């Protein structure tokens, strides 16, 4: 949804924009093509591997931090308001494709799952140290696994005999609890739960969304691509109401107090999904900051 996302931002050539999920730089390159000489683009990525993709452009600045620190680091660069913010959530293709990062359920590698390798906690730590009850809650709340309790119990029993250190060892630990024909789906949900916990993804998303409402200029736009219901629910509720419960508060006269209004909602086209299967679950939402 590259074109839909960039179009949705309604880019001003002289504006200031933020790509909070730089990754391979695809969105940033497309955004820079719409900017004129006076435009500026700041990008965030906590993964040190993303630095190799930094763009050689005087209008571009790459900040190697989690996007939960967006507001603070923009201020360090003298920026207090921006015209647009773009977020492509989830795991980058590079992270999926490098086995030793542990993001892929199909390749054997260290059970890591850290987006920022400065983080001391890995997925290996979680599966080997969490109490069964805590592990079950994590798998249910962040992975939405129907059999979270059985999965957790299987992991605990496996680690009693042998520490779980790799992605294939984790697969083996839960193998009997993967429904036939749905093995990959259940593994994806398991890995999602661990990844969200390791990286504090939902809390980071909440902080970024709140900061977006503060630093966007009136009429500025926020574009977010999400890949699972936990992310999309937070984005949808915030764009609708300005909070994460989705409850629209009103002033004395009955006017909604939400700082934004959603202007675009769409999914990846059949053609895009055929070309890139990872796009099948992608949802794009674009909101505009309401003018007072």
Protein backbone atom coordinates (compact mmCIF):
# COMPACT_ATOMS: atom_id res chain seq x y z
CA UNK A 1 0.00 0.00 0.00
CA UNK A 2 2.89 2.32 -0.73
CA UNK A 3 0.97 4.56 -3.12
CA UNK A 4 -2.16 4.69 -0.96
CA UNK A 5 -0.10 5.60 2.11
CA UNK A 6 1.92 8.36 0.45
CA UNK A 7 -1.17 9.76 -1.30
CA UNK A 8 -3.06 9.69 2.00
CA UNK A 9 -0.53 11.99 3.64
CA UNK A 10 -1.34 14.79 1.13
CA UNK A 11 2.31 15.84 1.17
CA UNK A 12 3.26 19.50 0.97
CA UNK A 13 6.55 19.99 -0.91
CA UNK A 14 7.90 22.32 1.79
CA UNK A 15 6.57 20.32 4.73
CA UNK A 16 8.24 18.41 7.55
CA UNK A 17 7.44 14.69 7.79
CA UNK A 18 8.31 11.72 9.96
CA UNK A 19 8.66 8.06 8.99
CA UNK A 20 8.72 6.32 12.38
CA UNK A 21 9.42 2.86 10.90
CA UNK A 22 12.26 3.39 8.43
CA UNK A 23 13.26 -0.25 7.86
CA UNK A 24 14.44 -0.70 4.29
CA UNK A 25 13.59 2.90 3.45
CA UNK A 26 10.90 2.27 0.84
CA UNK A 27 8.33 4.66 2.30
CA UNK A 28 10.98 7.30 2.99
CA UNK A 29 12.23 7.21 -0.58
CA UNK A 30 8.71 7.63 -1.94
CA UNK A 31 8.04 10.45 0.49
CA UNK A 32 11.23 12.30 -0.46
CA UNK A 33 10.16 12.17 -4.10
CA UNK A 34 7.17 14.34 -3.16
CA UNK A 35 9.21 16.85 -1.16
CA UNK A 36 10.80 19.95 -2.60
CA UNK A 37 14.17 21.51 -1.66
CA UNK A 38 12.70 23.03 1.52
CA UNK A 39 11.04 19.85 2.71
CA UNK A 40 12.43 17.71 5.52
CA UNK A 41 12.07 14.07 6.48
CA UNK A 42 13.01 12.54 9.83
CA UNK A 43 13.03 8.76 10.15
CA UNK A 44 13.17 6.51 13.20
CA UNK A 45 14.33 2.92 13.51
CA UNK A 46 15.60 1.18 16.63
CA UNK A 47 17.16 -1.68 14.64
CA UNK A 48 20.85 -0.99 14.04
CA UNK A 49 20.67 -2.93 10.73
CA UNK A 50 18.47 -0.15 9.32
CA UNK A 51 21.42 2.25 9.36
CA UNK A 52 22.82 0.53 6.29
CA UNK A 53 19.78 1.79 4.38
CA UNK A 54 20.20 5.47 5.34
CA UNK A 55 19.46 7.78 2.43
CA UNK A 56 22.07 10.15 1.05
CA UNK A 57 19.88 13.23 0.93
CA UNK A 58 20.39 16.55 2.73
CA UNK A 59 16.67 16.67 3.53
CA UNK A 60 16.82 13.33 5.37
CA UNK A 61 17.77 12.52 8.97
CA UNK A 62 17.78 8.99 10.43
CA UNK A 63 17.39 8.67 14.20
CA UNK A 64 18.31 5.27 15.65
CA UNK A 65 15.70 5.14 18.39
CA UNK A 66 12.31 3.62 19.18
CA UNK A 67 9.45 5.77 17.90
CA UNK A 68 8.12 6.09 21.45
CA UNK A 69 10.82 8.78 21.77
CA UNK A 70 9.67 10.66 18.66
CA UNK A 71 8.71 13.92 20.33
CA UNK A 72 11.91 14.20 22.39
CA UNK A 73 14.31 13.50 19.54
CA UNK A 74 12.49 15.79 17.12
CA UNK A 75 12.88 18.58 19.67
CA UNK A 76 16.62 17.86 19.81
CA UNK A 77 16.59 18.65 16.09
CA UNK A 78 14.63 21.85 16.64
CA UNK A 79 11.30 20.43 15.41
CA UNK A 80 8.15 20.94 17.47
CA UNK A 81 5.47 20.44 14.81
CA UNK A 82 5.26 18.33 11.67
CA UNK A 83 2.93 18.06 8.70
CA UNK A 84 2.65 14.29 8.55
CA UNK A 85 3.63 11.04 10.27
CA UNK A 86 3.87 7.60 8.72
CA UNK A 87 4.06 4.27 10.58
CA UNK A 88 4.33 0.83 8.96
CA UNK A 89 4.07 -1.39 12.02
CA UNK A 90 5.19 -4.97 12.55
CA UNK A 91 8.32 -6.78 11.40
CA UNK A 92 10.43 -5.66 8.45
CA UNK A 93 11.23 -8.04 5.60
CA UNK A 94 14.90 -7.95 6.61
CA UNK A 95 14.09 -9.04 10.15
CA UNK A 96 11.94 -11.90 8.87
CA UNK A 97 14.55 -13.06 6.39
CA UNK A 98 17.57 -13.20 8.73
CA UNK A 99 17.33 -16.53 10.57
CA UNK A 100 19.49 -15.56 13.53
CA UNK A 101 17.11 -12.76 14.49
CA UNK A 102 14.49 -15.40 15.36
CA UNK A 103 11.47 -13.67 13.77
CA UNK A 104 10.70 -16.41 11.23
CA UNK A 105 8.76 -19.49 12.30
CA UNK A 106 10.12 -21.38 9.28
CA UNK A 107 13.90 -20.98 9.75
CA UNK A 108 16.02 -22.21 12.62
CA UNK A 109 17.82 -19.54 14.59
CA UNK A 110 18.36 -18.09 18.03
CA UNK A 111 15.10 -17.38 19.84
CA UNK A 112 15.81 -13.66 20.00
CA UNK A 113 12.97 -11.50 18.58
CA UNK A 114 14.52 -8.20 19.67
CA UNK A 115 14.06 -5.29 17.28
CA UNK A 116 16.57 -3.29 19.32
CA UNK A 117 19.47 -5.54 20.28
CA UNK A 118 20.41 -3.17 23.08
CA UNK A 119 17.38 -4.60 24.88
CA UNK A 120 18.68 -7.13 27.45
CA UNK A 121 15.54 -9.34 27.36
CA UNK A 122 15.04 -11.90 24.58
CA UNK A 123 12.24 -14.31 23.75
CA UNK A 124 14.51 -17.08 25.01
CA UNK A 125 14.48 -15.45 28.44
CA UNK A 126 10.67 -15.35 28.46
CA UNK A 127 10.02 -18.96 27.50
CA UNK A 128 12.59 -20.25 29.97
CA UNK A 129 11.77 -18.11 33.01
CA UNK A 130 8.10 -17.09 33.03
CA UNK A 131 5.77 -18.96 35.35
CA UNK A 132 3.20 -21.06 33.51
CA UNK A 133 0.31 -18.76 34.47
CA UNK A 134 2.15 -15.65 33.28
CA UNK A 135 3.18 -17.34 30.06
CA UNK A 136 -0.40 -18.45 29.40
CA UNK A 137 -1.67 -14.89 29.94
CA UNK A 138 0.95 -13.52 27.55
CA UNK A 139 0.03 -16.01 24.82
CA UNK A 140 -3.67 -15.31 25.26
CA UNK A 141 -3.49 -11.51 25.46
CA UNK A 142 -0.81 -10.83 22.85
CA UNK A 143 -1.11 -13.87 20.59
CA UNK A 144 -4.87 -14.39 20.93
CA UNK A 145 -4.17 -18.14 20.98
CA UNK A 146 -7.30 -20.22 21.72
CA UNK A 147 -5.16 -22.87 23.43
CA UNK A 148 -2.80 -20.54 25.26
CA UNK A 149 -2.92 -22.50 28.50
CA UNK A 150 -2.05 -25.79 26.81
CA UNK A 151 0.78 -24.10 24.89
CA UNK A 152 2.20 -22.61 28.07
CA UNK A 153 2.04 -25.94 29.88
CA UNK A 154 3.82 -27.68 26.98
CA UNK A 155 6.60 -25.08 26.99
CA UNK A 156 7.12 -25.42 30.75
CA UNK A 157 7.27 -29.23 30.54
CA UNK A 158 9.73 -29.11 27.64
CA UNK A 159 12.09 -26.73 29.44
CA UNK A 160 12.14 -28.99 32.49
CA UNK A 161 14.15 -31.40 30.36
CA UNK A 162 16.01 -28.96 28.14
CA UNK A 163 16.38 -25.20 27.88
CA UNK A 164 14.61 -23.70 24.85
CA UNK A 165 17.16 -21.75 22.85
CA UNK A 166 16.12 -21.80 19.20
CA UNK A 167 13.03 -21.28 17.09
CA UNK A 168 12.92 -24.95 16.13
CA UNK A 169 13.13 -26.03 19.76
CA UNK A 170 10.14 -23.83 20.55
CA UNK A 171 8.27 -25.36 17.63
CA UNK A 172 9.06 -28.82 18.94
CA UNK A 173 7.87 -27.87 22.43
CA UNK A 174 4.38 -26.94 21.19
CA UNK A 175 4.16 -29.31 18.21
CA UNK A 176 1.35 -31.41 19.65
CA UNK A 177 -0.81 -28.33 20.18
CA UNK A 178 -0.67 -27.08 16.59
CA UNK A 179 -4.00 -27.95 14.89
CA UNK A 180 -3.53 -29.84 11.65
CA UNK A 181 -3.67 -27.53 8.67
CA UNK A 182 -3.27 -24.47 10.93
CA UNK A 183 0.28 -25.07 12.14
CA UNK A 184 1.76 -21.93 10.60
CA UNK A 185 -1.09 -19.73 11.82
CA UNK A 186 -0.75 -20.90 15.41
CA UNK A 187 3.04 -20.56 15.31
CA UNK A 188 2.68 -17.02 13.97
CA UNK A 189 0.36 -16.17 16.87
CA UNK A 190 2.84 -17.68 19.35
CA UNK A 191 5.79 -15.74 17.95
CA UNK A 192 3.68 -12.57 17.78
CA UNK A 193 2.92 -12.78 21.48
CA UNK A 194 6.57 -13.21 22.43
CA UNK A 195 7.70 -10.46 20.05
CA UNK A 196 5.19 -7.93 21.38
CA UNK A 197 6.30 -8.60 24.95
CA UNK A 198 10.03 -8.51 24.19
CA UNK A 199 9.77 -5.20 22.36
CA UNK A 200 7.01 -3.52 24.36
CA UNK A 201 5.25 -2.91 21.06
CA UNK A 202 1.77 -1.95 22.19
CA UNK A 203 2.96 0.52 24.83
CA UNK A 204 5.34 2.08 22.31
CA UNK A 205 2.47 2.39 19.81
CA UNK A 206 0.27 4.10 22.38
CA UNK A 207 2.99 6.62 23.21
CA UNK A 208 3.66 7.35 19.54
CA UNK A 209 -0.04 7.90 18.80
CA UNK A 210 -0.46 10.31 21.72
CA UNK A 211 2.63 12.25 20.66
CA UNK A 212 1.36 12.39 17.08
CA UNK A 213 -1.77 14.23 18.18
CA UNK A 214 0.45 16.76 19.97
CA UNK A 215 3.01 17.50 17.28
CA UNK A 216 0.92 17.40 14.10
CA UNK A 217 -0.08 20.78 12.75
CA UNK A 218 -3.79 21.40 12.26
CA UNK A 219 -4.76 19.58 9.08
CA UNK A 220 -1.66 17.39 9.33
CA UNK A 221 -2.07 13.68 8.72
CA UNK A 222 -1.14 10.43 10.44
CA UNK A 223 -0.94 7.26 8.31
CA UNK A 224 -0.62 3.88 10.05
CA UNK A 225 -0.37 0.41 8.52
CA UNK A 226 -1.12 -2.34 11.04
CA UNK A 227 -0.91 -6.10 10.69
CA UNK A 228 -2.97 -7.60 13.50
CA UNK A 229 -6.08 -6.76 15.48
CA UNK A 230 -4.27 -5.63 18.64
CA UNK A 231 -2.47 -2.87 16.76
CA UNK A 232 -5.40 -1.97 14.54
CA UNK A 233 -7.80 -1.68 17.49
CA UNK A 234 -5.54 0.83 19.23
CA UNK A 235 -5.11 2.86 16.04
CA UNK A 236 -8.82 2.79 15.21
CA UNK A 237 -9.89 3.80 18.71
CA UNK A 238 -7.35 6.59 18.95
CA UNK A 239 -8.21 8.06 15.56
CA UNK A 240 -11.89 7.93 16.45
CA UNK A 241 -11.82 9.24 20.00
CA UNK A 242 -8.34 10.33 21.06
CA UNK A 243 -8.18 7.50 23.60
CA UNK A 244 -7.63 3.76 23.44
CA UNK A 245 -11.03 2.72 24.71
CA UNK A 246 -12.79 4.25 21.72
CA UNK A 247 -15.12 6.34 23.91
CA UNK A 248 -15.85 9.67 22.23
CA UNK A 249 -16.00 12.43 24.82
CA UNK A 250 -18.00 15.58 24.08
CA UNK A 251 -17.90 19.17 25.22
CA UNK A 252 -20.74 21.08 26.89
CA UNK A 253 -22.40 21.64 23.52
CA UNK A 254 -22.17 18.01 22.43
CA UNK A 255 -19.24 18.47 20.06
CA UNK A 256 -16.76 15.54 19.95
CA UNK A 257 -13.40 16.27 21.60
CA UNK A 258 -11.32 13.86 19.53
CA UNK A 259 -8.18 15.58 18.15
CA UNK A 260 -8.43 13.66 14.87
CA UNK A 261 -10.84 12.32 12.32
CA UNK A 262 -10.24 9.25 10.20
CA UNK A 263 -10.26 10.02 6.49
CA UNK A 264 -9.05 6.77 4.91
CA UNK A 265 -9.39 3.08 5.72
CA UNK A 266 -8.35 0.37 3.29
CA UNK A 267 -6.76 -3.07 2.92
CA UNK A 268 -4.13 -4.29 0.48
CA UNK A 269 -5.42 -5.07 -3.00
CA UNK A 270 -5.64 -8.62 -4.34
CA UNK A 271 -2.80 -7.80 -6.73
CA UNK A 272 -0.53 -6.65 -3.92
CA UNK A 273 -1.32 -9.72 -1.80
CA UNK A 274 -0.56 -11.95 -4.79
CA UNK A 275 2.82 -10.25 -5.15
CA UNK A 276 3.57 -10.07 -1.41
CA UNK A 277 1.72 -12.54 0.83
CA UNK A 278 2.77 -10.59 3.94
CA UNK A 279 0.39 -7.82 2.86
CA UNK A 280 -2.69 -10.03 3.31
CA UNK A 281 -3.35 -8.80 6.85
CA UNK A 282 -2.30 -5.18 6.33
CA UNK A 283 -4.77 -2.39 7.16
CA UNK A 284 -4.15 1.26 6.38
CA UNK A 285 -5.81 4.02 8.37
CA UNK A 286 -5.19 7.72 7.79
CA UNK A 287 -6.43 10.45 10.14
CA UNK A 288 -6.29 14.22 9.94
CA UNK A 289 -5.76 16.50 12.91
CA UNK A 290 -8.91 18.53 13.40
CA UNK A 291 -8.67 22.26 13.01
CA UNK A 292 -9.87 24.15 16.08
